[in-house]
């Protein structure tokens, strides 16, 4: 079951990345260089994948995490 969940997340991330690869700066509305959870809420796919993308678990996405 975990494998299926991970595969679904990877599929979601692939779609999210292709749809928003150039949108980091758009989602970073306060221009602090990170995407917060509230900023991520602007994109359904990023909101759903936020916890997986936030690899250091600091509650925000760096540009590196966003594009991983």
PDB file of N, CA and C in Angstrom:
ATOM      1  N   UNK A   1       0.817  -1.197   0.000  1.00  0.00           N
ATOM      2  CA  UNK A   1       0.000   0.000   0.000  1.00  0.00           C
ATOM      3  C   UNK A   1       0.862   1.264   0.000  1.00  0.00           C
ATOM      4  N   UNK A   2       1.977   1.219   0.761  1.00  0.00           N
ATOM      5  CA  UNK A   2       2.869   2.381   0.779  1.00  0.00           C
ATOM      6  C   UNK A   2       3.442   2.641  -0.609  1.00  0.00           C
ATOM      7  N   UNK A   3       3.760   1.571  -1.335  1.00  0.00           N
ATOM      8  CA  UNK A   3       4.306   1.720  -2.678  1.00  0.00           C
ATOM      9  C   UNK A   3       3.292   2.405  -3.592  1.00  0.00           C
ATOM     10  N   UNK A   4       2.052   1.997  -3.493  1.00  0.00           N
ATOM     11  CA  UNK A   4       1.003   2.610  -4.322  1.00  0.00           C
ATOM     12  C   UNK A   4       0.857   4.085  -3.969  1.00  0.00           C
ATOM     13  N   UNK A   5       0.876   4.392  -2.684  1.00  0.00           N
ATOM     14  CA  UNK A   5       0.773   5.792  -2.262  1.00  0.00           C
ATOM     15  C   UNK A   5       1.926   6.613  -2.798  1.00  0.00           C
ATOM     16  N   UNK A   6       3.124   6.077  -2.704  1.00  0.00           N
ATOM     17  CA  UNK A   6       4.303   6.796  -3.211  1.00  0.00           C
ATOM     18  C   UNK A   6       4.229   6.989  -4.720  1.00  0.00           C
ATOM     19  N   UNK A   7       3.762   5.972  -5.432  1.00  0.00           N
ATOM     20  CA  UNK A   7       3.622   6.103  -6.882  1.00  0.00           C
ATOM     21  C   UNK A   7       2.606   7.178  -7.238  1.00  0.00           C
ATOM     22  N   UNK A   8       1.523   7.235  -6.492  1.00  0.00           N
ATOM     23  CA  UNK A   8       0.524   8.277  -6.740  1.00  0.00           C
ATOM     24  C   UNK A   8       1.103   9.653  -6.456  1.00  0.00           C
ATOM     25  N   UNK A   9       1.883   9.761  -5.392  1.00  0.00           N
ATOM     26  CA  UNK A   9       2.504  11.044  -5.058  1.00  0.00           C
ATOM     27  C   UNK A   9       3.496  11.434  -6.142  1.00  0.00           C
ATOM     28  N   UNK A  10       4.300  10.495  -6.601  1.00  0.00           N
ATOM     29  CA  UNK A  10       5.260  10.796  -7.666  1.00  0.00           C
ATOM     30  C   UNK A  10       4.522  11.267  -8.913  1.00  0.00           C
ATOM     31  N   UNK A  11       3.416  10.617  -9.246  1.00  0.00           N
ATOM     32  CA  UNK A  11       2.615  11.055 -10.390  1.00  0.00           C
ATOM     33  C   UNK A  11       2.085  12.458 -10.187  1.00  0.00           C
ATOM     34  N   UNK A  12       1.633  12.753  -8.985  1.00  0.00           N
ATOM     35  CA  UNK A  12       1.145  14.096  -8.661  1.00  0.00           C
ATOM     36  C   UNK A  12       2.268  15.107  -8.780  1.00  0.00           C
ATOM     37  N   UNK A  13       3.448  14.750  -8.274  1.00  0.00           N
ATOM     38  CA  UNK A  13       4.589  15.660  -8.353  1.00  0.00           C
ATOM     39  C   UNK A  13       5.000  15.914  -9.790  1.00  0.00           C
ATOM     40  N   UNK A  14       4.950  14.892 -10.619  1.00  0.00           N
ATOM     41  CA  UNK A  14       5.299  15.055 -12.028  1.00  0.00           C
ATOM     42  C   UNK A  14       4.360  16.047 -12.685  1.00  0.00           C
ATOM     43  N   UNK A  15       3.077  15.891 -12.436  1.00  0.00           N
ATOM     44  CA  UNK A  15       2.088  16.830 -12.981  1.00  0.00           C
ATOM     45  C   UNK A  15       2.303  18.215 -12.386  1.00  0.00           C
ATOM     46  N   UNK A  16       2.516  18.268 -11.079  1.00  0.00           N
ATOM     47  CA  UNK A  16       2.723  19.552 -10.417  1.00  0.00           C
ATOM     48  C   UNK A  16       3.946  20.255 -10.977  1.00  0.00           C
ATOM     49  N   UNK A  17       5.025  19.502 -11.153  1.00  0.00           N
ATOM     50  CA  UNK A  17       6.252  20.109 -11.660  1.00  0.00           C
ATOM     51  C   UNK A  17       6.051  20.618 -13.075  1.00  0.00           C
ATOM     52  N   UNK A  18       5.454  19.832 -13.924  1.00  0.00           N
ATOM     53  CA  UNK A  18       5.287  20.258 -15.312  1.00  0.00           C
ATOM     54  C   UNK A  18       4.351  21.453 -15.417  1.00  0.00           C
ATOM     55  N   UNK A  19       3.380  21.514 -14.530  1.00  0.00           N
ATOM     56  CA  UNK A  19       2.411  22.612 -14.582  1.00  0.00           C
ATOM     57  C   UNK A  19       2.937  23.880 -13.925  1.00  0.00           C
ATOM     58  N   UNK A  20       3.897  23.735 -12.991  1.00  0.00           N
ATOM     59  CA  UNK A  20       4.288  24.902 -12.201  1.00  0.00           C
ATOM     60  C   UNK A  20       5.792  25.129 -12.131  1.00  0.00           C
ATOM     61  N   UNK A  21       6.554  24.486 -12.988  1.00  0.00           N
ATOM     62  CA  UNK A  21       8.012  24.597 -12.901  1.00  0.00           C
ATOM     63  C   UNK A  21       8.485  26.043 -12.922  1.00  0.00           C
ATOM     64  N   UNK A  22       7.825  26.887 -13.676  1.00  0.00           N
ATOM     65  CA  UNK A  22       8.243  28.278 -13.779  1.00  0.00           C
ATOM     66  C   UNK A  22       7.501  29.171 -12.791  1.00  0.00           C
ATOM     67  N   UNK A  23       6.680  28.587 -11.918  1.00  0.00           N
ATOM     68  CA  UNK A  23       5.815  29.384 -11.062  1.00  0.00           C
ATOM     69  C   UNK A  23       6.285  29.549  -9.626  1.00  0.00           C
ATOM     70  N   UNK A  24       7.523  29.170  -9.321  1.00  0.00           N
ATOM     71  CA  UNK A  24       8.014  29.359  -7.957  1.00  0.00           C
ATOM     72  C   UNK A  24       7.864  30.816  -7.549  1.00  0.00           C
ATOM     73  N   UNK A  25       8.303  31.717  -8.401  1.00  0.00           N
ATOM     74  CA  UNK A  25       8.233  33.142  -8.051  1.00  0.00           C
ATOM     75  C   UNK A  25       6.796  33.635  -7.957  1.00  0.00           C
ATOM     76  N   UNK A  26       5.913  33.026  -8.719  1.00  0.00           N
ATOM     77  CA  UNK A  26       4.496  33.401  -8.642  1.00  0.00           C
ATOM     78  C   UNK A  26       3.895  32.967  -7.313  1.00  0.00           C
ATOM     79  N   UNK A  27       4.221  31.749  -6.872  1.00  0.00           N
ATOM     80  CA  UNK A  27       3.688  31.238  -5.607  1.00  0.00           C
ATOM     81  C   UNK A  27       4.316  31.927  -4.400  1.00  0.00           C
ATOM     82  N   UNK A  28       5.549  32.379  -4.531  1.00  0.00           N
ATOM     83  CA  UNK A  28       6.243  33.072  -3.442  1.00  0.00           C
ATOM     84  C   UNK A  28       5.780  34.522  -3.396  1.00  0.00           C
ATOM     85  N   UNK A  29       4.568  34.712  -2.929  1.00  0.00           N
ATOM     86  CA  UNK A  29       3.940  36.037  -3.004  1.00  0.00           C
ATOM     87  C   UNK A  29       4.603  37.086  -2.119  1.00  0.00           C
ATOM     88  N   UNK A  30       5.225  36.667  -1.008  1.00  0.00           N
ATOM     89  CA  UNK A  30       5.886  37.657  -0.164  1.00  0.00           C
ATOM     90  C   UNK A  30       7.358  37.847  -0.528  1.00  0.00           C
ATOM     91  N   UNK A  31       7.796  37.140  -1.572  1.00  0.00           N
ATOM     92  CA  UNK A  31       9.148  37.279  -2.137  1.00  0.00           C
ATOM     93  C   UNK A  31      10.262  37.090  -1.112  1.00  0.00           C
ATOM     94  N   UNK A  32      10.057  36.123  -0.191  1.00  0.00           N
ATOM     95  CA  UNK A  32      11.107  35.831   0.796  1.00  0.00           C
ATOM     96  C   UNK A  32      12.001  34.669   0.367  1.00  0.00           C
ATOM     97  N   UNK A  33      11.767  34.125  -0.830  1.00  0.00           N
ATOM     98  CA  UNK A  33      12.595  33.037  -1.333  1.00  0.00           C
ATOM     99  C   UNK A  33      12.108  31.658  -0.938  1.00  0.00           C
ATOM    100  N   UNK A  34      10.946  31.593  -0.293  1.00  0.00           N
ATOM    101  CA  UNK A  34      10.357  30.332   0.127  1.00  0.00           C
ATOM    102  C   UNK A  34       8.862  30.344  -0.179  1.00  0.00           C
ATOM    103  N   UNK A  35       8.286  29.145  -0.285  1.00  0.00           N
ATOM    104  CA  UNK A  35       6.838  29.013  -0.423  1.00  0.00           C
ATOM    105  C   UNK A  35       6.313  28.442   0.881  1.00  0.00           C
ATOM    106  N   UNK A  36       5.506  29.220   1.565  1.00  0.00           N
ATOM    107  CA  UNK A  36       4.902  28.772   2.821  1.00  0.00           C
ATOM    108  C   UNK A  36       3.699  27.888   2.505  1.00  0.00           C
ATOM    109  N   UNK A  37       3.153  27.256   3.532  1.00  0.00           N
ATOM    110  CA  UNK A  37       1.963  26.436   3.316  1.00  0.00           C
ATOM    111  C   UNK A  37       0.798  27.281   2.824  1.00  0.00           C
ATOM    112  N   UNK A  38       0.665  28.489   3.335  1.00  0.00           N
ATOM    113  CA  UNK A  38      -0.439  29.335   2.878  1.00  0.00           C
ATOM    114  C   UNK A  38      -0.232  29.771   1.432  1.00  0.00           C
ATOM    115  N   UNK A  39       1.010  30.019   1.038  1.00  0.00           N
ATOM    116  CA  UNK A  39       1.285  30.350  -0.365  1.00  0.00           C
ATOM    117  C   UNK A  39       1.064  29.127  -1.255  1.00  0.00           C
ATOM    118  N   UNK A  40       1.438  27.936  -0.761  1.00  0.00           N
ATOM    119  CA  UNK A  40       1.251  26.704  -1.532  1.00  0.00           C
ATOM    120  C   UNK A  40      -0.219  26.412  -1.777  1.00  0.00           C
ATOM    121  N   UNK A  41      -1.080  26.929  -0.923  1.00  0.00           N
ATOM    122  CA  UNK A  41      -2.518  26.696  -1.060  1.00  0.00           C
ATOM    123  C   UNK A  41      -3.079  27.271  -2.365  1.00  0.00           C
ATOM    124  N   UNK A  42      -2.318  28.145  -3.027  1.00  0.00           N
ATOM    125  CA  UNK A  42      -2.738  28.701  -4.316  1.00  0.00           C
ATOM    126  C   UNK A  42      -2.756  27.646  -5.415  1.00  0.00           C
ATOM    127  N   UNK A  43      -2.021  26.554  -5.212  1.00  0.00           N
ATOM    128  CA  UNK A  43      -1.918  25.485  -6.198  1.00  0.00           C
ATOM    129  C   UNK A  43      -2.354  24.177  -5.556  1.00  0.00           C
ATOM    130  N   UNK A  44      -3.425  23.591  -6.057  1.00  0.00           N
ATOM    131  CA  UNK A  44      -3.933  22.343  -5.478  1.00  0.00           C
ATOM    132  C   UNK A  44      -2.877  21.247  -5.501  1.00  0.00           C
ATOM    133  N   UNK A  45      -2.128  21.129  -6.586  1.00  0.00           N
ATOM    134  CA  UNK A  45      -1.137  20.058  -6.684  1.00  0.00           C
ATOM    135  C   UNK A  45       0.029  20.274  -5.729  1.00  0.00           C
ATOM    136  N   UNK A  46       0.481  21.503  -5.563  1.00  0.00           N
ATOM    137  CA  UNK A  46       1.578  21.783  -4.640  1.00  0.00           C
ATOM    138  C   UNK A  46       1.095  21.619  -3.201  1.00  0.00           C
ATOM    139  N   UNK A  47      -0.114  22.066  -2.922  1.00  0.00           N
ATOM    140  CA  UNK A  47      -0.679  21.914  -1.576  1.00  0.00           C
ATOM    141  C   UNK A  47      -0.711  20.436  -1.181  1.00  0.00           C
ATOM    142  N   UNK A  48      -1.136  19.579  -2.099  1.00  0.00           N
ATOM    143  CA  UNK A  48      -1.227  18.139  -1.812  1.00  0.00           C
ATOM    144  C   UNK A  48       0.144  17.516  -1.610  1.00  0.00           C
ATOM    145  N   UNK A  49       1.153  18.007  -2.310  1.00  0.00           N
ATOM    146  CA  UNK A  49       2.489  17.417  -2.253  1.00  0.00           C
ATOM    147  C   UNK A  49       3.410  18.131  -1.270  1.00  0.00           C
ATOM    148  N   UNK A  50       2.924  19.151  -0.581  1.00  0.00           N
ATOM    149  CA  UNK A  50       3.770  20.020   0.245  1.00  0.00           C
ATOM    150  C   UNK A  50       4.630  19.233   1.237  1.00  0.00           C
ATOM    151  N   UNK A  51       4.019  18.338   1.995  1.00  0.00           N
ATOM    152  CA  UNK A  51       4.763  17.611   3.030  1.00  0.00           C
ATOM    153  C   UNK A  51       5.871  16.749   2.443  1.00  0.00           C
ATOM    154  N   UNK A  52       5.631  16.175   1.282  1.00  0.00           N
ATOM    155  CA  UNK A  52       6.662  15.367   0.631  1.00  0.00           C
ATOM    156  C   UNK A  52       7.784  16.254   0.087  1.00  0.00           C
ATOM    157  N   UNK A  53       7.433  17.387  -0.471  1.00  0.00           N
ATOM    158  CA  UNK A  53       8.434  18.302  -1.022  1.00  0.00           C
ATOM    159  C   UNK A  53       9.282  18.952   0.067  1.00  0.00           C
ATOM    160  N   UNK A  54       8.682  19.198   1.221  1.00  0.00           N
ATOM    161  CA  UNK A  54       9.376  19.858   2.330  1.00  0.00           C
ATOM    162  C   UNK A  54      10.304  18.860   3.019  1.00  0.00           C
ATOM    163  N   UNK A  55      11.421  18.567   2.367  1.00  0.00           N
ATOM    164  CA  UNK A  55      12.302  17.487   2.825  1.00  0.00           C
ATOM    165  C   UNK A  55      12.979  17.783   4.163  1.00  0.00           C
ATOM    166  N   UNK A  56      13.219  19.042   4.490  1.00  0.00           N
ATOM    167  CA  UNK A  56      13.844  19.349   5.780  1.00  0.00           C
ATOM    168  C   UNK A  56      12.802  19.662   6.864  1.00  0.00           C
ATOM    169  N   UNK A  57      11.540  19.565   6.520  1.00  0.00           N
ATOM    170  CA  UNK A  57      10.422  19.705   7.460  1.00  0.00           C
ATOM    171  C   UNK A  57      10.444  21.019   8.240  1.00  0.00           C
ATOM    172  N   UNK A  58      10.781  22.114   7.524  1.00  0.00           N
ATOM    173  CA  UNK A  58      10.791  23.424   8.180  1.00  0.00           C
ATOM    174  C   UNK A  58       9.510  24.213   7.927  1.00  0.00           C
ATOM    175  N   UNK A  59       8.547  23.596   7.246  1.00  0.00           N
ATOM    176  CA  UNK A  59       7.261  24.254   7.024  1.00  0.00           C
ATOM    177  C   UNK A  59       7.237  25.212   5.856  1.00  0.00           C
ATOM    178  N   UNK A  60       8.284  25.175   5.039  1.00  0.00           N
ATOM    179  CA  UNK A  60       8.326  26.027   3.856  1.00  0.00           C
ATOM    180  C   UNK A  60       9.154  25.324   2.790  1.00  0.00           C
ATOM    181  N   UNK A  61       8.923  25.703   1.547  1.00  0.00           N
ATOM    182  CA  UNK A  61       9.639  25.098   0.436  1.00  0.00           C
ATOM    183  C   UNK A  61      10.674  26.064  -0.118  1.00  0.00           C
ATOM    184  N   UNK A  62      11.903  25.604  -0.168  1.00  0.00           N
ATOM    185  CA  UNK A  62      12.932  26.387  -0.856  1.00  0.00           C
ATOM    186  C   UNK A  62      12.757  26.141  -2.355  1.00  0.00           C
ATOM    187  N   UNK A  63      13.443  26.904  -3.160  1.00  0.00           N
ATOM    188  CA  UNK A  63      13.360  26.684  -4.605  1.00  0.00           C
ATOM    189  C   UNK A  63      13.933  25.306  -4.951  1.00  0.00           C
ATOM    190  N   UNK A  64      14.975  24.887  -4.256  1.00  0.00           N
ATOM    191  CA  UNK A  64      15.556  23.562  -4.485  1.00  0.00           C
ATOM    192  C   UNK A  64      14.551  22.461  -4.182  1.00  0.00           C
ATOM    193  N   UNK A  65      13.865  22.572  -3.039  1.00  0.00           N
ATOM    194  CA  UNK A  65      12.849  21.576  -2.682  1.00  0.00           C
ATOM    195  C   UNK A  65      11.703  21.580  -3.702  1.00  0.00           C
ATOM    196  N   UNK A  66      11.302  22.754  -4.106  1.00  0.00           N
ATOM    197  CA  UNK A  66      10.201  22.901  -5.059  1.00  0.00           C
ATOM    198  C   UNK A  66      10.500  22.207  -6.368  1.00  0.00           C
ATOM    199  N   UNK A  67      11.749  22.289  -6.817  1.00  0.00           N
ATOM    200  CA  UNK A  67      12.127  21.736  -8.128  1.00  0.00           C
ATOM    201  C   UNK A  67      12.720  20.339  -8.061  1.00  0.00           C
ATOM    202  N   UNK A  68      12.684  19.698  -6.900  1.00  0.00           N
ATOM    203  CA  UNK A  68      13.252  18.343  -6.791  1.00  0.00           C
ATOM    204  C   UNK A  68      12.428  17.308  -7.537  1.00  0.00           C
TER     205      UNK A  68
END
